[in-house]
Amino acid sequence: AMQDLPGQFTKFQFPEGVPAPFNMAAAILTNTEMLTLEEKIKMVPGLLPMMIEGQSFIDDQDELSVLEFMRKYGMPERINEEIFIAMGKALDFIDADKLSMTVILTAMNRFINEADGSQTAFLDGNQPDRLCQPIVNHVSSRGGCVLTGKPVSSIELNADNTVNSLALADGSSVTADYYVSAMPVDVVKKVIPQAWSMMPYFRQLNELEGIPVINLQIWFDRKLKAIDGLCFSRSPLLS
């Protein structure tokens, strides 16, 4: 969505049959509605090391916010307003002054290195039927068991601080060879055992904060716009 032209949209058109990274370069250069040629050229000093050094450079930027990275490499503020605000909200629901540049660069690196990296797929139905249930079926068919309605209440430890079991809210427990957590950071902070809380690895959780997000589902009785893809807003509030 274009800020200065309400109701109008612009896009990056990745040409078919053009290999990466040339397809992304073509998409950026042929879009004349978002950035000037001068602004596009000023993006190069920050993005060129990513193309040359790859993931090692991307990982090294984790300590910099998007705005700090832009200032370091002399990028104009309008690049943030036209591109990075939308990317930040789409990728992590967070403002550019708080978002790690590693997140942005990781996405851009995929666009650069994969010809289809910019494509987005959608479920052809609701999530319980088309995503959750197939996962349950896959796990069950291989002898696994999926438990629902039984949240973890605590992580029980052995004397050497390794995991003994997971205590569930209904009083039962689960033991396993490996334990993997996919809990939101605010939740996992509450169940981390006291014995782990002072360990350097787990103390890093103190630096993480959950991001409050409200999803607003709006259904229209007709097609809103003839665009085959996602629409991103550059609003400070909407993604």
C-alpha atoms as a PDB file:
ATOM      1  CA  ALA A   1       0.000   0.000   0.000  1.00  0.00           C
ATOM      2  CA  MET A   2       1.288   3.435  -0.916  1.00  0.00           C
ATOM      3  CA  GLN A   3       1.327   6.050   1.832  1.00  0.00           C
ATOM      4  CA  ASP A   4       0.948   9.074  -0.449  1.00  0.00           C
ATOM      5  CA  LEU A   5      -1.695   7.470  -2.679  1.00  0.00           C
ATOM      6  CA  PRO A   6      -4.405   5.857  -0.512  1.00  0.00           C
ATOM      7  CA  GLY A   7      -6.040   2.866  -2.125  1.00  0.00           C
ATOM      8  CA  GLN A   8      -3.202   2.324  -4.593  1.00  0.00           C
ATOM      9  CA  PHE A   9      -0.612  -0.427  -4.465  1.00  0.00           C
ATOM     10  CA  THR A  10       2.882  -0.973  -5.787  1.00  0.00           C
ATOM     11  CA  LYS A  11       4.891  -4.163  -6.000  1.00  0.00           C
ATOM     12  CA  PHE A  12       8.235  -5.765  -6.703  1.00  0.00           C
ATOM     13  CA  GLN A  13       7.803  -7.903  -9.817  1.00  0.00           C
ATOM     14  CA  PHE A  14      10.256 -10.814  -9.851  1.00  0.00           C
ATOM     15  CA  PRO A  15      10.649 -11.775 -13.534  1.00  0.00           C
ATOM     16  CA  GLU A  16      10.057 -15.436 -14.363  1.00  0.00           C
ATOM     17  CA  GLY A  17      12.950 -17.468 -15.682  1.00  0.00           C
ATOM     18  CA  VAL A  18      15.575 -15.096 -14.295  1.00  0.00           C
ATOM     19  CA  PRO A  19      17.892 -16.793 -11.754  1.00  0.00           C
ATOM     20  CA  ALA A  20      18.631 -15.372  -8.312  1.00  0.00           C
ATOM     21  CA  PRO A  21      20.043 -12.869  -7.416  1.00  0.00           C
ATOM     22  CA  PHE A  22      19.391 -11.150 -10.769  1.00  0.00           C
ATOM     23  CA  ASN A  23      15.618 -11.541 -10.404  1.00  0.00           C
ATOM     24  CA  MET A  24      15.666  -9.536  -7.164  1.00  0.00           C
ATOM     25  CA  ALA A  25      17.885  -6.856  -8.690  1.00  0.00           C
ATOM     26  CA  ALA A  26      15.456  -6.561 -11.603  1.00  0.00           C
ATOM     27  CA  ALA A  27      12.480  -6.369  -9.221  1.00  0.00           C
ATOM     28  CA  ILE A  28      14.040  -3.508  -7.253  1.00  0.00           C
ATOM     29  CA  LEU A  29      15.335  -1.561 -10.245  1.00  0.00           C
ATOM     30  CA  THR A  30      12.086  -1.754 -12.229  1.00  0.00           C
ATOM     31  CA  ASN A  31       9.981  -0.440  -9.338  1.00  0.00           C
ATOM     32  CA  THR A  32       9.983   3.333  -9.730  1.00  0.00           C
ATOM     33  CA  GLU A  33       7.247   4.166  -7.212  1.00  0.00           C
ATOM     34  CA  MET A  34       8.995   3.431  -3.912  1.00  0.00           C
ATOM     35  CA  LEU A  35      12.629   4.509  -4.112  1.00  0.00           C
ATOM     36  CA  THR A  36      14.633   6.815  -6.348  1.00  0.00           C
ATOM     37  CA  LEU A  37      17.687   5.516  -8.193  1.00  0.00           C
ATOM     38  CA  GLU A  38      19.921   7.408  -5.750  1.00  0.00           C
ATOM     39  CA  GLU A  39      18.233   5.734  -2.768  1.00  0.00           C
ATOM     40  CA  LYS A  40      18.606   2.303  -4.378  1.00  0.00           C
ATOM     41  CA  ILE A  41      22.328   2.931  -4.924  1.00  0.00           C
ATOM     42  CA  LYS A  42      22.713   3.959  -1.267  1.00  0.00           C
ATOM     43  CA  MET A  43      21.350   0.550  -0.204  1.00  0.00           C
ATOM     44  CA  VAL A  44      24.261  -1.231  -1.882  1.00  0.00           C
ATOM     45  CA  PRO A  45      27.025  -0.644   0.755  1.00  0.00           C
ATOM     46  CA  GLY A  46      24.896  -2.375   3.407  1.00  0.00           C
ATOM     47  CA  LEU A  47      23.638  -5.226   1.236  1.00  0.00           C
ATOM     48  CA  LEU A  48      26.817  -6.030  -0.704  1.00  0.00           C
ATOM     49  CA  PRO A  49      28.619  -7.598   2.315  1.00  0.00           C
ATOM     50  CA  MET A  50      25.587  -9.861   2.806  1.00  0.00           C
ATOM     51  CA  MET A  51      25.915 -11.099  -0.772  1.00  0.00           C
ATOM     52  CA  ILE A  52      29.668 -11.645  -0.468  1.00  0.00           C
ATOM     53  CA  GLU A  53      30.008 -12.980   3.089  1.00  0.00           C
ATOM     54  CA  GLY A  54      26.614 -14.651   3.412  1.00  0.00           C
ATOM     55  CA  GLN A  55      25.238 -15.917   6.708  1.00  0.00           C
ATOM     56  CA  SER A  56      28.290 -14.983   8.776  1.00  0.00           C
ATOM     57  CA  PHE A  57      27.739 -11.291   8.001  1.00  0.00           C
ATOM     58  CA  ILE A  58      24.002 -11.636   8.669  1.00  0.00           C
ATOM     59  CA  ASP A  59      24.592 -13.198  12.091  1.00  0.00           C
ATOM     60  CA  ASP A  60      27.050 -10.455  13.039  1.00  0.00           C
ATOM     61  CA  GLN A  61      24.331  -7.802  12.638  1.00  0.00           C
ATOM     62  CA  ASP A  62      22.161  -9.242  15.405  1.00  0.00           C
ATOM     63  CA  GLU A  63      23.301  -6.568  17.857  1.00  0.00           C
ATOM     64  CA  LEU A  64      22.133  -3.786  15.537  1.00  0.00           C
ATOM     65  CA  SER A  65      18.555  -2.657  15.098  1.00  0.00           C
ATOM     66  CA  VAL A  66      17.343  -1.885  11.593  1.00  0.00           C
ATOM     67  CA  LEU A  67      17.727   1.854  12.188  1.00  0.00           C
ATOM     68  CA  GLU A  68      21.235   1.436  13.654  1.00  0.00           C
ATOM     69  CA  PHE A  69      22.272  -0.652  10.651  1.00  0.00           C
ATOM     70  CA  MET A  70      20.893   1.973   8.250  1.00  0.00           C
ATOM     71  CA  ARG A  71      22.789   4.770   9.980  1.00  0.00           C
ATOM     72  CA  LYS A  72      25.997   2.717  10.022  1.00  0.00           C
ATOM     73  CA  TYR A  73      25.866   2.260   6.238  1.00  0.00           C
ATOM     74  CA  GLY A  74      24.477   5.701   5.385  1.00  0.00           C
ATOM     75  CA  MET A  75      21.053   4.622   4.137  1.00  0.00           C
ATOM     76  CA  PRO A  76      18.425   7.380   3.788  1.00  0.00           C
ATOM     77  CA  GLU A  77      15.497   7.353   6.226  1.00  0.00           C
ATOM     78  CA  ARG A  78      13.056   6.946   3.339  1.00  0.00           C
ATOM     79  CA  ILE A  79      14.318   3.384   2.789  1.00  0.00           C
ATOM     80  CA  ASN A  80      12.998   2.568   6.237  1.00  0.00           C
ATOM     81  CA  GLU A  81       9.684   4.302   5.520  1.00  0.00           C
ATOM     82  CA  GLU A  82       9.221   2.642   2.150  1.00  0.00           C
ATOM     83  CA  ILE A  83      10.605  -0.860   2.748  1.00  0.00           C
ATOM     84  CA  PHE A  84      11.854  -1.784   6.210  1.00  0.00           C
ATOM     85  CA  ILE A  85       8.750  -0.739   8.184  1.00  0.00           C
ATOM     86  CA  ALA A  86       6.632  -3.074   6.056  1.00  0.00           C
ATOM     87  CA  MET A  87       9.209  -5.882   6.253  1.00  0.00           C
ATOM     88  CA  GLY A  88       9.565  -5.525  10.028  1.00  0.00           C
ATOM     89  CA  LYS A  89       5.812  -5.668  10.628  1.00  0.00           C
ATOM     90  CA  ALA A  90       5.395  -8.592   8.231  1.00  0.00           C
ATOM     91  CA  LEU A  91       8.290 -10.630   9.644  1.00  0.00           C
ATOM     92  CA  ASP A  92       8.121  -9.917  13.372  1.00  0.00           C
ATOM     93  CA  PHE A  93       5.326  -7.408  14.167  1.00  0.00           C
ATOM     94  CA  ILE A  94       7.834  -4.924  15.525  1.00  0.00           C
ATOM     95  CA  ASP A  95       9.178  -1.444  14.777  1.00  0.00           C
ATOM     96  CA  ALA A  96      12.482  -0.869  13.008  1.00  0.00           C
ATOM     97  CA  ASP A  97      14.117   0.702  16.063  1.00  0.00           C
ATOM     98  CA  LYS A  98      13.595  -2.540  18.024  1.00  0.00           C
ATOM     99  CA  LEU A  99      13.975  -5.205  15.327  1.00  0.00           C
ATOM    100  CA  SER A 100      17.325  -6.926  14.799  1.00  0.00           C
ATOM    101  CA  MET A 101      18.712  -6.333  11.307  1.00  0.00           C
ATOM    102  CA  THR A 102      19.526 -10.040  11.177  1.00  0.00           C
ATOM    103  CA  VAL A 103      15.804 -10.731  10.696  1.00  0.00           C
ATOM    104  CA  ILE A 104      15.577  -8.417   7.677  1.00  0.00           C
ATOM    105  CA  LEU A 105      18.832  -9.644   6.138  1.00  0.00           C
ATOM    106  CA  THR A 106      17.852 -13.294   6.560  1.00  0.00           C
ATOM    107  CA  ALA A 107      14.701 -12.697   4.523  1.00  0.00           C
ATOM    108  CA  MET A 108      16.531 -10.652   1.896  1.00  0.00           C
ATOM    109  CA  ASN A 109      19.254 -13.283   1.644  1.00  0.00           C
ATOM    110  CA  ARG A 110      16.620 -15.869   0.812  1.00  0.00           C
ATOM    111  CA  PHE A 111      15.175 -13.614  -1.883  1.00  0.00           C
ATOM    112  CA  ILE A 112      18.657 -13.188  -3.316  1.00  0.00           C
ATOM    113  CA  ASN A 113      19.674 -16.848  -3.304  1.00  0.00           C
ATOM    114  CA  GLU A 114      16.409 -18.604  -4.185  1.00  0.00           C
ATOM    115  CA  ALA A 115      14.552 -17.921  -7.403  1.00  0.00           C
ATOM    116  CA  ASP A 116      11.232 -18.686  -5.655  1.00  0.00           C
ATOM    117  CA  GLY A 117      12.214 -17.174  -2.311  1.00  0.00           C
ATOM    118  CA  SER A 118       9.666 -14.363  -2.557  1.00  0.00           C
ATOM    119  CA  GLN A 119       6.688 -16.678  -3.046  1.00  0.00           C
ATOM    120  CA  THR A 120       4.157 -17.217  -0.261  1.00  0.00           C
ATOM    121  CA  ALA A 121       1.883 -20.230   0.094  1.00  0.00           C
ATOM    122  CA  PHE A 122      -1.464 -20.425   1.881  1.00  0.00           C
ATOM    123  CA  LEU A 123      -3.462 -23.309   3.325  1.00  0.00           C
ATOM    124  CA  ASP A 124      -6.371 -24.401   1.163  1.00  0.00           C
ATOM    125  CA  GLY A 125      -8.683 -24.523   4.183  1.00  0.00           C
ATOM    126  CA  ASN A 126      -8.787 -23.926   7.940  1.00  0.00           C
ATOM    127  CA  GLN A 127      -5.752 -24.629  10.126  1.00  0.00           C
ATOM    128  CA  PRO A 128      -7.257 -27.414  12.315  1.00  0.00           C
ATOM    129  CA  ASP A 129      -8.201 -29.517   9.283  1.00  0.00           C
ATOM    130  CA  ARG A 130      -5.422 -28.650   6.853  1.00  0.00           C
ATOM    131  CA  LEU A 131      -2.427 -28.231   9.190  1.00  0.00           C
ATOM    132  CA  CYS A 132      -2.950 -29.457  12.759  1.00  0.00           C
ATOM    133  CA  GLN A 133      -4.778 -32.712  12.013  1.00  0.00           C
ATOM    134  CA  PRO A 134      -2.328 -33.848   9.288  1.00  0.00           C
ATOM    135  CA  ILE A 135       0.522 -33.296  11.776  1.00  0.00           C
ATOM    136  CA  VAL A 136      -1.321 -35.367  14.395  1.00  0.00           C
ATOM    137  CA  ASN A 137      -1.963 -38.103  11.828  1.00  0.00           C
ATOM    138  CA  HIS A 138       1.693 -38.142  10.776  1.00  0.00           C
ATOM    139  CA  VAL A 139       2.940 -38.409  14.361  1.00  0.00           C
ATOM    140  CA  SER A 140       0.335 -41.028  15.327  1.00  0.00           C
ATOM    141  CA  SER A 141       1.061 -43.196  12.279  1.00  0.00           C
ATOM    142  CA  ARG A 142       4.652 -43.516  13.478  1.00  0.00           C
ATOM    143  CA  GLY A 143       3.790 -44.530  17.023  1.00  0.00           C
ATOM    144  CA  GLY A 144       3.757 -41.053  18.559  1.00  0.00           C
ATOM    145  CA  CYS A 145       1.084 -39.499  20.751  1.00  0.00           C
ATOM    146  CA  VAL A 146      -0.204 -35.914  20.655  1.00  0.00           C
ATOM    147  CA  LEU A 147      -1.640 -34.592  23.943  1.00  0.00           C
ATOM    148  CA  THR A 148      -3.868 -31.515  24.033  1.00  0.00           C
ATOM    149  CA  GLY A 149      -5.426 -29.683  26.956  1.00  0.00           C
ATOM    150  CA  LYS A 150      -2.511 -30.666  29.197  1.00  0.00           C
ATOM    151  CA  PRO A 151      -0.194 -27.662  29.567  1.00  0.00           C
ATOM    152  CA  VAL A 152       3.247 -28.027  31.148  1.00  0.00           C
ATOM    153  CA  SER A 153       3.240 -26.800  34.739  1.00  0.00           C
ATOM    154  CA  SER A 154       6.935 -27.337  35.527  1.00  0.00           C
ATOM    155  CA  ILE A 155      10.201 -28.851  34.323  1.00  0.00           C
ATOM    156  CA  GLU A 156      11.481 -31.428  36.817  1.00  0.00           C
ATOM    157  CA  LEU A 157      15.259 -31.812  37.055  1.00  0.00           C
ATOM    158  CA  ASN A 158      17.750 -34.486  38.012  1.00  0.00           C
ATOM    159  CA  ALA A 159      20.498 -33.823  40.532  1.00  0.00           C
ATOM    160  CA  ASP A 160      22.840 -32.768  37.691  1.00  0.00           C
ATOM    161  CA  ASN A 161      20.273 -30.213  36.404  1.00  0.00           C
ATOM    162  CA  THR A 162      19.325 -32.260  33.344  1.00  0.00           C
ATOM    163  CA  VAL A 163      15.622 -32.768  32.617  1.00  0.00           C
ATOM    164  CA  ASN A 164      13.989 -35.639  34.455  1.00  0.00           C
ATOM    165  CA  SER A 165      10.421 -35.098  33.255  1.00  0.00           C
ATOM    166  CA  LEU A 166       7.737 -32.561  32.412  1.00  0.00           C
ATOM    167  CA  ALA A 167       5.013 -32.160  35.011  1.00  0.00           C
ATOM    168  CA  LEU A 168       1.606 -31.507  33.425  1.00  0.00           C
ATOM    169  CA  ALA A 169      -1.251 -29.472  34.844  1.00  0.00           C
ATOM    170  CA  ASP A 170      -3.450 -32.566  35.351  1.00  0.00           C
ATOM    171  CA  GLY A 171      -0.863 -34.139  37.683  1.00  0.00           C
ATOM    172  CA  SER A 172       0.644 -36.542  35.151  1.00  0.00           C
ATOM    173  CA  SER A 173       4.198 -36.371  33.834  1.00  0.00           C
ATOM    174  CA  VAL A 174       6.025 -37.050  30.581  1.00  0.00           C
ATOM    175  CA  THR A 175       9.555 -38.405  30.140  1.00  0.00           C
ATOM    176  CA  ALA A 176      11.518 -38.441  26.898  1.00  0.00           C
ATOM    177  CA  ASP A 177      14.972 -38.726  25.379  1.00  0.00           C
ATOM    178  CA  TYR A 178      14.806 -35.177  24.035  1.00  0.00           C
ATOM    179  CA  TYR A 179      12.716 -32.137  25.013  1.00  0.00           C
ATOM    180  CA  VAL A 180      11.947 -29.304  22.589  1.00  0.00           C
ATOM    181  CA  SER A 181      10.113 -26.145  23.607  1.00  0.00           C
ATOM    182  CA  ALA A 182       8.079 -24.047  21.169  1.00  0.00           C
ATOM    183  CA  MET A 183       6.506 -21.920  23.895  1.00  0.00           C
ATOM    184  CA  PRO A 184       6.350 -18.122  23.569  1.00  0.00           C
ATOM    185  CA  VAL A 185       9.174 -16.410  25.431  1.00  0.00           C
ATOM    186  CA  ASP A 186       6.905 -14.941  28.126  1.00  0.00           C
ATOM    187  CA  VAL A 187       5.551 -18.413  28.896  1.00  0.00           C
ATOM    188  CA  VAL A 188       8.863 -20.255  28.855  1.00  0.00           C
ATOM    189  CA  LYS A 189      10.311 -17.701  31.311  1.00  0.00           C
ATOM    190  CA  LYS A 190       7.705 -18.796  33.840  1.00  0.00           C
ATOM    191  CA  VAL A 191       8.557 -22.516  33.655  1.00  0.00           C
ATOM    192  CA  ILE A 192      12.359 -22.282  33.548  1.00  0.00           C
ATOM    193  CA  PRO A 193      13.588 -24.040  36.717  1.00  0.00           C
ATOM    194  CA  GLN A 194      15.247 -21.896  39.366  1.00  0.00           C
ATOM    195  CA  ALA A 195      18.436 -23.932  39.012  1.00  0.00           C
ATOM    196  CA  TRP A 196      18.677 -22.865  35.348  1.00  0.00           C
ATOM    197  CA  SER A 197      17.835 -19.208  35.812  1.00  0.00           C
ATOM    198  CA  MET A 198      21.400 -18.098  36.608  1.00  0.00           C
ATOM    199  CA  MET A 199      23.077 -20.118  33.862  1.00  0.00           C
ATOM    200  CA  PRO A 200      24.543 -17.836  31.131  1.00  0.00           C
ATOM    201  CA  TYR A 201      22.591 -19.619  28.390  1.00  0.00           C
ATOM    202  CA  PHE A 202      19.204 -19.174  30.041  1.00  0.00           C
ATOM    203  CA  ARG A 203      19.988 -15.678  31.348  1.00  0.00           C
ATOM    204  CA  GLN A 204      19.796 -14.575  27.710  1.00  0.00           C
ATOM    205  CA  LEU A 205      16.028 -15.004  27.985  1.00  0.00           C
ATOM    206  CA  ASN A 206      16.015 -11.816  30.083  1.00  0.00           C
ATOM    207  CA  GLU A 207      16.885  -9.892  26.924  1.00  0.00           C
ATOM    208  CA  LEU A 208      13.829 -11.198  25.062  1.00  0.00           C
ATOM    209  CA  GLU A 209      10.392  -9.646  25.261  1.00  0.00           C
ATOM    210  CA  GLY A 210       7.127 -10.897  23.873  1.00  0.00           C
ATOM    211  CA  ILE A 211       5.448  -8.717  21.259  1.00  0.00           C
ATOM    212  CA  PRO A 212       1.754  -7.966  21.853  1.00  0.00           C
ATOM    213  CA  VAL A 213      -0.152  -8.532  18.609  1.00  0.00           C
ATOM    214  CA  ILE A 214      -3.827  -8.181  17.790  1.00  0.00           C
ATOM    215  CA  ASN A 215      -5.106 -10.044  14.739  1.00  0.00           C
ATOM    216  CA  LEU A 216      -8.117  -8.441  13.111  1.00  0.00           C
ATOM    217  CA  GLN A 217      -9.918 -10.670  10.609  1.00  0.00           C
ATOM    218  CA  ILE A 218     -11.971  -8.685   8.097  1.00  0.00           C
ATOM    219  CA  TRP A 219     -14.097 -10.503   5.528  1.00  0.00           C
ATOM    220  CA  PHE A 220     -15.382  -8.714   2.427  1.00  0.00           C
ATOM    221  CA  ASP A 221     -18.279  -9.694   0.188  1.00  0.00           C
ATOM    222  CA  ARG A 222     -16.241  -9.118  -2.953  1.00  0.00           C
ATOM    223  CA  LYS A 223     -12.646  -9.142  -4.136  1.00  0.00           C
ATOM    224  CA  LEU A 224     -10.862  -6.127  -2.679  1.00  0.00           C
ATOM    225  CA  LYS A 225      -8.123  -5.741  -5.265  1.00  0.00           C
ATOM    226  CA  ALA A 226      -6.967  -7.776  -8.240  1.00  0.00           C
ATOM    227  CA  ILE A 227      -3.564  -8.561  -6.750  1.00  0.00           C
ATOM    228  CA  ASP A 228      -2.265 -12.126  -6.699  1.00  0.00           C
ATOM    229  CA  GLY A 229      -0.205 -11.948  -3.536  1.00  0.00           C
ATOM    230  CA  LEU A 230       0.140 -10.410  -0.103  1.00  0.00           C
ATOM    231  CA  CYS A 231      -0.365  -6.705   0.567  1.00  0.00           C
ATOM    232  CA  PHE A 232       1.843  -5.059   3.191  1.00  0.00           C
ATOM    233  CA  SER A 233       1.250  -1.755   4.910  1.00  0.00           C
ATOM    234  CA  ARG A 234       3.930   0.759   5.818  1.00  0.00           C
ATOM    235  CA  SER A 235       1.808   2.069   8.657  1.00  0.00           C
ATOM    236  CA  PRO A 236       3.441   2.199  12.118  1.00  0.00           C
ATOM    237  CA  LEU A 237       0.398   0.306  13.438  1.00  0.00           C
ATOM    238  CA  LEU A 238      -0.651  -2.143  10.725  1.00  0.00           C
ATOM    239  CA  SER A 239       1.226  -4.917   8.931  1.00  0.00           C
END
